[in-house]
Amino acid sequence: MAVVNFSIPDDVKKAFDRAFKGQNRSAIVTALMRSAIQHAEAQVDQREVFAEIRRLAREIPPLSDDEIREAREELRK
C-alpha cells in the first residue's frame, strides 16, 4: 500500500473532518480518489466519442429538407 502526502487548504481539512468525523479517513480518501479517477476517465471517453461524432458528421453528406421530411414520414408509419 502506498502513502500519499499532500497539502490542502485548512478550511477544506476542517470541513472534511466535520463531514467524516469518526470514519476511516484513509478509506474515504481512497473512495474519493477512485471516484475522481472514474470521472476523469469518463471525460476522456466522452471527448473521444464527441470527436468521433464530429468526424462522422463531416463525412456524411447533409440531407435535403425533402429527404428529412420523407424519413420522418416513414418513421411515423
Protein backbone atom coordinates (compact mmCIF):
# COMPACT_ATOMS: atom_id res chain seq x y z
CA MET A 1 0.00 0.00 0.00
CA ALA A 2 1.29 3.47 -0.86
CA VAL A 3 1.46 6.50 1.39
CA VAL A 4 0.47 9.83 -0.14
CA ASN A 5 1.29 13.18 1.41
CA PHE A 6 -0.22 16.37 0.05
CA SER A 7 -1.26 19.79 1.27
CA ILE A 8 -4.82 21.04 1.28
CA PRO A 9 -6.33 24.32 2.46
CA ASP A 10 -7.14 24.46 6.17
CA ASP A 11 -10.84 25.13 5.53
CA VAL A 12 -11.10 22.00 3.38
CA LYS A 13 -9.38 19.92 6.07
CA LYS A 14 -11.74 21.24 8.76
CA ALA A 15 -14.81 20.63 6.58
CA PHE A 16 -13.58 17.11 5.75
CA ASP A 17 -13.01 16.35 9.43
CA ARG A 18 -16.52 17.59 10.30
CA ALA A 19 -18.20 15.71 7.45
CA PHE A 20 -16.45 12.40 8.09
CA LYS A 21 -15.98 12.52 11.87
CA GLY A 22 -15.36 9.08 13.34
CA GLN A 23 -14.93 7.42 9.94
CA ASN A 24 -11.85 5.84 8.39
CA ARG A 25 -10.30 8.80 6.62
CA SER A 26 -7.99 6.65 4.52
CA ALA A 27 -10.95 4.65 3.20
CA ILE A 28 -12.89 7.84 2.46
CA VAL A 29 -9.97 9.48 0.64
CA THR A 30 -9.45 6.25 -1.32
CA ALA A 31 -13.12 6.21 -2.35
CA LEU A 32 -12.98 9.89 -3.33
CA MET A 33 -9.83 9.30 -5.38
CA ARG A 34 -11.45 6.32 -7.13
CA SER A 35 -14.48 8.46 -7.91
CA ALA A 36 -12.24 11.23 -9.28
CA ILE A 37 -10.39 8.70 -11.44
CA GLN A 38 -13.68 7.34 -12.84
CA HIS A 39 -14.84 10.89 -13.55
CA ALA A 40 -11.59 11.78 -15.36
CA GLU A 41 -11.70 8.57 -17.41
CA ALA A 42 -15.35 9.21 -18.32
CA GLN A 43 -14.43 12.71 -19.50
CA VAL A 44 -11.72 11.26 -21.76
CA ASP A 45 -14.18 8.70 -23.14
CA GLN A 46 -16.77 11.42 -23.70
CA ARG A 47 -14.29 13.63 -25.58
CA GLU A 48 -13.34 10.68 -27.78
CA VAL A 49 -17.00 9.91 -28.54
CA PHE A 50 -17.72 13.53 -29.42
CA ALA A 51 -14.63 13.68 -31.62
CA GLU A 52 -15.85 10.57 -33.47
CA ILE A 53 -19.33 12.08 -33.88
CA ARG A 54 -17.82 15.28 -35.30
CA ARG A 55 -15.63 13.24 -37.65
CA LEU A 56 -18.60 11.23 -38.89
CA ALA A 57 -20.70 14.38 -39.27
CA ARG A 58 -18.06 15.82 -41.61
CA GLU A 59 -18.09 12.65 -43.72
CA ILE A 60 -21.84 12.18 -44.06
CA PRO A 61 -23.38 14.44 -46.70
CA PRO A 62 -26.20 16.63 -45.42
CA LEU A 63 -29.76 15.65 -46.29
CA SER A 64 -32.13 17.91 -48.12
CA ASP A 65 -35.31 19.15 -46.46
CA ASP A 66 -37.31 16.76 -48.63
CA GLU A 67 -35.15 13.79 -47.61
CA ILE A 68 -35.58 14.66 -43.95
CA ARG A 69 -39.34 15.06 -44.37
CA GLU A 70 -39.58 11.69 -46.15
CA ALA A 71 -37.57 9.98 -43.42
CA ARG A 72 -39.82 11.44 -40.71
CA GLU A 73 -42.94 10.32 -42.56
CA GLU A 74 -41.50 6.81 -42.97
CA LEU A 75 -40.73 6.59 -39.26
CA ARG A 76 -44.27 7.62 -38.36
CA LYS A 77 -45.79 4.65 -40.23
